[in-house]
């Protein structure tokens, strides 16, 4: 379970770095930079949906005090 979250977070950070690379190397309106942004937003959405679904399915529980 936590490996899926770590992999998604790593993919989001890699996509962020790719977007920064294309921002610095090419024009700010580059289609490659836009694609990196689309991938990052998509991965973030998948991560949020996965965490919400995991909570409702009982795979994760909030910490108790």
PDB file of N, CA and C in Angstrom:
ATOM      1  N   UNK A   1       0.817  -1.182   0.000  1.00  0.00           N
ATOM      2  CA  UNK A   1       0.000   0.000   0.000  1.00  0.00           C
ATOM      3  C   UNK A   1       0.870   1.258   0.000  1.00  0.00           C
ATOM      4  N   UNK A   2       1.779   1.349   0.967  1.00  0.00           N
ATOM      5  CA  UNK A   2       2.573   2.568   1.049  1.00  0.00           C
ATOM      6  C   UNK A   2       3.551   2.672  -0.116  1.00  0.00           C
ATOM      7  N   UNK A   3       3.897   1.526  -0.716  1.00  0.00           N
ATOM      8  CA  UNK A   3       4.790   1.581  -1.874  1.00  0.00           C
ATOM      9  C   UNK A   3       4.107   2.245  -3.064  1.00  0.00           C
ATOM     10  N   UNK A   4       2.818   2.027  -3.202  1.00  0.00           N
ATOM     11  CA  UNK A   4       2.060   2.677  -4.283  1.00  0.00           C
ATOM     12  C   UNK A   4       2.087   4.187  -4.091  1.00  0.00           C
ATOM     13  N   UNK A   5       1.896   4.631  -2.857  1.00  0.00           N
ATOM     14  CA  UNK A   5       1.913   6.065  -2.561  1.00  0.00           C
ATOM     15  C   UNK A   5       3.299   6.638  -2.825  1.00  0.00           C
ATOM     16  N   UNK A   6       4.345   5.938  -2.407  1.00  0.00           N
ATOM     17  CA  UNK A   6       5.703   6.418  -2.645  1.00  0.00           C
ATOM     18  C   UNK A   6       6.035   6.487  -4.138  1.00  0.00           C
ATOM     19  N   UNK A   7       5.590   5.503  -4.886  1.00  0.00           N
ATOM     20  CA  UNK A   7       5.841   5.503  -6.334  1.00  0.00           C
ATOM     21  C   UNK A   7       5.111   6.667  -6.997  1.00  0.00           C
ATOM     22  N   UNK A   8       3.864   6.904  -6.607  1.00  0.00           N
ATOM     23  CA  UNK A   8       3.117   8.027  -7.178  1.00  0.00           C
ATOM     24  C   UNK A   8       3.753   9.358  -6.801  1.00  0.00           C
ATOM     25  N   UNK A   9       4.183   9.503  -5.560  1.00  0.00           N
ATOM     26  CA  UNK A   9       4.852  10.740  -5.152  1.00  0.00           C
ATOM     27  C   UNK A   9       6.161  10.943  -5.907  1.00  0.00           C
ATOM     28  N   UNK A  10       6.911   9.877  -6.103  1.00  0.00           N
ATOM     29  CA  UNK A  10       8.157   9.980  -6.865  1.00  0.00           C
ATOM     30  C   UNK A  10       7.878  10.368  -8.314  1.00  0.00           C
ATOM     31  N   UNK A  11       6.836   9.804  -8.905  1.00  0.00           N
ATOM     32  CA  UNK A  11       6.481  10.148 -10.281  1.00  0.00           C
ATOM     33  C   UNK A  11       6.050  11.607 -10.381  1.00  0.00           C
ATOM     34  N   UNK A  12       5.357  12.110  -9.364  1.00  0.00           N
ATOM     35  CA  UNK A  12       4.941  13.513  -9.360  1.00  0.00           C
ATOM     36  C   UNK A  12       6.165  14.424  -9.288  1.00  0.00           C
ATOM     37  N   UNK A  13       7.124  14.083  -8.442  1.00  0.00           N
ATOM     38  CA  UNK A  13       8.336  14.896  -8.310  1.00  0.00           C
ATOM     39  C   UNK A  13       9.158  14.839  -9.600  1.00  0.00           C
ATOM     40  N   UNK A  14       9.239  13.682 -10.230  1.00  0.00           N
ATOM     41  CA  UNK A  14       9.965  13.563 -11.496  1.00  0.00           C
ATOM     42  C   UNK A  14       9.296  14.400 -12.578  1.00  0.00           C
ATOM     43  N   UNK A  15       7.974  14.382 -12.620  1.00  0.00           N
ATOM     44  CA  UNK A  15       7.254  15.198 -13.582  1.00  0.00           C
ATOM     45  C   UNK A  15       7.467  16.685 -13.314  1.00  0.00           C
ATOM     46  N   UNK A  16       7.525  17.056 -12.045  1.00  0.00           N
ATOM     47  CA  UNK A  16       7.806  18.444 -11.680  1.00  0.00           C
ATOM     48  C   UNK A  16       9.196  18.851 -12.169  1.00  0.00           C
ATOM     49  N   UNK A  17      10.177  17.985 -11.977  1.00  0.00           N
ATOM     50  CA  UNK A  17      11.529  18.264 -12.455  1.00  0.00           C
ATOM     51  C   UNK A  17      11.611  18.348 -13.970  1.00  0.00           C
ATOM     52  N   UNK A  18      10.857  17.499 -14.636  1.00  0.00           N
ATOM     53  CA  UNK A  18      10.832  17.535 -16.105  1.00  0.00           C
ATOM     54  C   UNK A  18      10.246  18.847 -16.604  1.00  0.00           C
ATOM     55  N   UNK A  19       9.158  19.287 -15.959  1.00  0.00           N
ATOM     56  CA  UNK A  19       8.567  20.572 -16.334  1.00  0.00           C
ATOM     57  C   UNK A  19       9.530  21.719 -16.103  1.00  0.00           C
ATOM     58  N   UNK A  20      10.258  21.687 -14.992  1.00  0.00           N
ATOM     59  CA  UNK A  20      11.245  22.727 -14.713  1.00  0.00           C
ATOM     60  C   UNK A  20      12.361  22.707 -15.746  1.00  0.00           C
ATOM     61  N   UNK A  21      12.793  21.514 -16.136  1.00  0.00           N
ATOM     62  CA  UNK A  21      13.835  21.393 -17.153  1.00  0.00           C
ATOM     63  C   UNK A  21      13.399  22.030 -18.468  1.00  0.00           C
ATOM     64  N   UNK A  22      12.172  21.721 -18.906  1.00  0.00           N
ATOM     65  CA  UNK A  22      11.693  22.289 -20.167  1.00  0.00           C
ATOM     66  C   UNK A  22      11.394  23.777 -20.046  1.00  0.00           C
ATOM     67  N   UNK A  23      11.048  24.244 -18.853  1.00  0.00           N
ATOM     68  CA  UNK A  23      10.838  25.672 -18.646  1.00  0.00           C
ATOM     69  C   UNK A  23      12.155  26.428 -18.784  1.00  0.00           C
ATOM     70  N   UNK A  24      13.212  25.874 -18.223  1.00  0.00           N
ATOM     71  CA  UNK A  24      14.514  26.546 -18.281  1.00  0.00           C
ATOM     72  C   UNK A  24      15.169  26.415 -19.658  1.00  0.00           C
ATOM     73  N   UNK A  25      14.910  25.299 -20.331  1.00  0.00           N
ATOM     74  CA  UNK A  25      15.612  25.038 -21.591  1.00  0.00           C
ATOM     75  C   UNK A  25      14.892  25.621 -22.802  1.00  0.00           C
ATOM     76  N   UNK A  26      13.579  25.564 -22.798  1.00  0.00           N
ATOM     77  CA  UNK A  26      12.811  26.011 -23.961  1.00  0.00           C
ATOM     78  C   UNK A  26      11.905  27.167 -23.567  1.00  0.00           C
ATOM     79  N   UNK A  27      11.034  27.515 -24.469  1.00  0.00           N
ATOM     80  CA  UNK A  27      10.079  28.588 -24.224  1.00  0.00           C
ATOM     81  C   UNK A  27       9.064  28.155 -23.170  1.00  0.00           C
ATOM     82  N   UNK A  28       8.502  29.116 -22.459  1.00  0.00           N
ATOM     83  CA  UNK A  28       7.535  28.810 -21.405  1.00  0.00           C
ATOM     84  C   UNK A  28       6.252  28.211 -21.976  1.00  0.00           C
ATOM     85  N   UNK A  29       5.980  28.429 -23.251  1.00  0.00           N
ATOM     86  CA  UNK A  29       4.784  27.879 -23.893  1.00  0.00           C
ATOM     87  C   UNK A  29       5.068  26.573 -24.625  1.00  0.00           C
ATOM     88  N   UNK A  30       6.112  25.899 -24.235  1.00  0.00           N
ATOM     89  CA  UNK A  30       6.517  24.662 -24.890  1.00  0.00           C
ATOM     90  C   UNK A  30       5.472  23.564 -24.689  1.00  0.00           C
ATOM     91  N   UNK A  31       5.156  22.796 -25.734  1.00  0.00           N
ATOM     92  CA  UNK A  31       4.215  21.682 -25.562  1.00  0.00           C
ATOM     93  C   UNK A  31       4.767  20.592 -24.638  1.00  0.00           C
ATOM     94  N   UNK A  32       6.070  20.473 -24.556  1.00  0.00           N
ATOM     95  CA  UNK A  32       6.664  19.479 -23.659  1.00  0.00           C
ATOM     96  C   UNK A  32       6.425  19.866 -22.202  1.00  0.00           C
ATOM     97  N   UNK A  33       6.528  21.155 -21.907  1.00  0.00           N
ATOM     98  CA  UNK A  33       6.279  21.606 -20.546  1.00  0.00           C
ATOM     99  C   UNK A  33       4.802  21.436 -20.193  1.00  0.00           C
ATOM    100  N   UNK A  34       3.929  21.720 -21.145  1.00  0.00           N
ATOM    101  CA  UNK A  34       2.501  21.533 -20.920  1.00  0.00           C
ATOM    102  C   UNK A  34       2.179  20.069 -20.672  1.00  0.00           C
ATOM    103  N   UNK A  35       2.819  19.185 -21.395  1.00  0.00           N
ATOM    104  CA  UNK A  35       2.604  17.748 -21.203  1.00  0.00           C
ATOM    105  C   UNK A  35       3.071  17.306 -19.810  1.00  0.00           C
ATOM    106  N   UNK A  36       4.195  17.838 -19.361  1.00  0.00           N
ATOM    107  CA  UNK A  36       4.689  17.509 -18.022  1.00  0.00           C
ATOM    108  C   UNK A  36       3.696  17.993 -16.964  1.00  0.00           C
ATOM    109  N   UNK A  37       3.100  19.159 -17.170  1.00  0.00           N
ATOM    110  CA  UNK A  37       2.096  19.673 -16.246  1.00  0.00           C
ATOM    111  C   UNK A  37       0.856  18.782 -16.249  1.00  0.00           C
ATOM    112  N   UNK A  38       0.421  18.351 -17.417  1.00  0.00           N
ATOM    113  CA  UNK A  38      -0.747  17.464 -17.507  1.00  0.00           C
ATOM    114  C   UNK A  38      -0.491  16.149 -16.774  1.00  0.00           C
ATOM    115  N   UNK A  39       0.691  15.604 -16.950  1.00  0.00           N
ATOM    116  CA  UNK A  39       1.027  14.344 -16.284  1.00  0.00           C
ATOM    117  C   UNK A  39       1.048  14.534 -14.778  1.00  0.00           C
ATOM    118  N   UNK A  40       1.630  15.646 -14.315  1.00  0.00           N
ATOM    119  CA  UNK A  40       1.707  15.894 -12.874  1.00  0.00           C
ATOM    120  C   UNK A  40       0.323  16.072 -12.260  1.00  0.00           C
ATOM    121  N   UNK A  41      -0.540  16.802 -12.925  1.00  0.00           N
ATOM    122  CA  UNK A  41      -1.899  16.989 -12.424  1.00  0.00           C
ATOM    123  C   UNK A  41      -2.649  15.656 -12.428  1.00  0.00           C
ATOM    124  N   UNK A  42      -2.481  14.867 -13.469  1.00  0.00           N
ATOM    125  CA  UNK A  42      -3.130  13.559 -13.534  1.00  0.00           C
ATOM    126  C   UNK A  42      -2.658  12.617 -12.442  1.00  0.00           C
ATOM    127  N   UNK A  43      -1.354  12.584 -12.209  1.00  0.00           N
ATOM    128  CA  UNK A  43      -0.817  11.726 -11.151  1.00  0.00           C
ATOM    129  C   UNK A  43      -1.288  12.187  -9.771  1.00  0.00           C
ATOM    130  N   UNK A  44      -1.364  13.493  -9.572  1.00  0.00           N
ATOM    131  CA  UNK A  44      -1.855  14.010  -8.294  1.00  0.00           C
ATOM    132  C   UNK A  44      -3.306  13.617  -8.074  1.00  0.00           C
ATOM    133  N   UNK A  45      -4.108  13.690  -9.124  1.00  0.00           N
ATOM    134  CA  UNK A  45      -5.510  13.291  -9.027  1.00  0.00           C
ATOM    135  C   UNK A  45      -5.634  11.799  -8.724  1.00  0.00           C
ATOM    136  N   UNK A  46      -4.826  10.982  -9.378  1.00  0.00           N
ATOM    137  CA  UNK A  46      -4.833   9.540  -9.117  1.00  0.00           C
ATOM    138  C   UNK A  46      -4.438   9.257  -7.673  1.00  0.00           C
ATOM    139  N   UNK A  47      -3.433   9.965  -7.172  1.00  0.00           N
ATOM    140  CA  UNK A  47      -2.998   9.770  -5.790  1.00  0.00           C
ATOM    141  C   UNK A  47      -4.106  10.132  -4.800  1.00  0.00           C
ATOM    142  N   UNK A  48      -4.767  11.252  -5.015  1.00  0.00           N
ATOM    143  CA  UNK A  48      -5.852  11.665  -4.119  1.00  0.00           C
ATOM    144  C   UNK A  48      -6.994  10.662  -4.164  1.00  0.00           C
ATOM    145  N   UNK A  49      -7.391  10.243  -5.352  1.00  0.00           N
ATOM    146  CA  UNK A  49      -8.474   9.271  -5.472  1.00  0.00           C
ATOM    147  C   UNK A  49      -8.099   7.932  -4.836  1.00  0.00           C
ATOM    148  N   UNK A  50      -6.854   7.529  -4.983  1.00  0.00           N
ATOM    149  CA  UNK A  50      -6.392   6.287  -4.372  1.00  0.00           C
ATOM    150  C   UNK A  50      -6.447   6.364  -2.852  1.00  0.00           C
ATOM    151  N   UNK A  51      -6.014   7.490  -2.296  1.00  0.00           N
ATOM    152  CA  UNK A  51      -6.041   7.646  -0.842  1.00  0.00           C
ATOM    153  C   UNK A  51      -7.472   7.691  -0.302  1.00  0.00           C
ATOM    154  N   UNK A  52      -8.354   8.377  -0.994  1.00  0.00           N
ATOM    155  CA  UNK A  52      -9.753   8.438  -0.556  1.00  0.00           C
ATOM    156  C   UNK A  52     -10.396   7.054  -0.646  1.00  0.00           C
ATOM    157  N   UNK A  53     -10.163   6.357  -1.752  1.00  0.00           N
ATOM    158  CA  UNK A  53     -10.722   5.010  -1.908  1.00  0.00           C
ATOM    159  C   UNK A  53     -10.146   4.060  -0.857  1.00  0.00           C
ATOM    160  N   UNK A  54      -8.876   4.193  -0.560  1.00  0.00           N
ATOM    161  CA  UNK A  54      -8.255   3.343   0.457  1.00  0.00           C
ATOM    162  C   UNK A  54      -8.869   3.589   1.825  1.00  0.00           C
ATOM    163  N   UNK A  55      -9.187   4.824   2.121  1.00  0.00           N
ATOM    164  CA  UNK A  55      -9.815   5.142   3.397  1.00  0.00           C
ATOM    165  C   UNK A  55     -11.204   4.523   3.489  1.00  0.00           C
ATOM    166  N   UNK A  56     -11.990   4.684   2.428  1.00  0.00           N
ATOM    167  CA  UNK A  56     -13.353   4.150   2.453  1.00  0.00           C
ATOM    168  C   UNK A  56     -13.398   2.622   2.412  1.00  0.00           C
ATOM    169  N   UNK A  57     -12.407   1.998   1.826  1.00  0.00           N
ATOM    170  CA  UNK A  57     -12.351   0.537   1.798  1.00  0.00           C
ATOM    171  C   UNK A  57     -11.740  -0.049   3.069  1.00  0.00           C
ATOM    172  N   UNK A  58     -11.241   0.820   3.943  1.00  0.00           N
ATOM    173  CA  UNK A  58     -10.693   0.352   5.216  1.00  0.00           C
ATOM    174  C   UNK A  58      -9.244  -0.088   5.139  1.00  0.00           C
ATOM    175  N   UNK A  59      -8.572   0.201   4.043  1.00  0.00           N
ATOM    176  CA  UNK A  59      -7.176  -0.195   3.922  1.00  0.00           C
ATOM    177  C   UNK A  59      -6.276   0.677   4.778  1.00  0.00           C
ATOM    178  N   UNK A  60      -6.694   1.930   5.002  1.00  0.00           N
ATOM    179  CA  UNK A  60      -5.950   2.830   5.882  1.00  0.00           C
ATOM    180  C   UNK A  60      -6.924   3.396   6.893  1.00  0.00           C
ATOM    181  N   UNK A  61      -6.425   3.686   8.050  1.00  0.00           N
ATOM    182  CA  UNK A  61      -7.257   4.278   9.104  1.00  0.00           C
ATOM    183  C   UNK A  61      -6.528   5.494   9.659  1.00  0.00           C
ATOM    184  N   UNK A  62      -7.273   6.498  10.099  1.00  0.00           N
ATOM    185  CA  UNK A  62      -6.614   7.668  10.688  1.00  0.00           C
ATOM    186  C   UNK A  62      -5.993   7.309  12.030  1.00  0.00           C
ATOM    187  N   UNK A  63      -4.938   7.969  12.395  1.00  0.00           N
ATOM    188  CA  UNK A  63      -4.287   7.660  13.677  1.00  0.00           C
ATOM    189  C   UNK A  63      -5.199   8.038  14.854  1.00  0.00           C
ATOM    190  N   UNK A  64      -5.137   7.266  15.909  1.00  0.00           N
ATOM    191  CA  UNK A  64      -5.912   7.557  17.102  1.00  0.00           C
ATOM    192  C   UNK A  64      -4.953   7.960  18.223  1.00  0.00           C
ATOM    193  N   UNK A  65      -5.475   8.735  19.147  1.00  0.00           N
ATOM    194  CA  UNK A  65      -4.625   9.203  20.247  1.00  0.00           C
ATOM    195  C   UNK A  65      -4.933   8.460  21.511  1.00  0.00           C
TER     196      UNK A  65
END
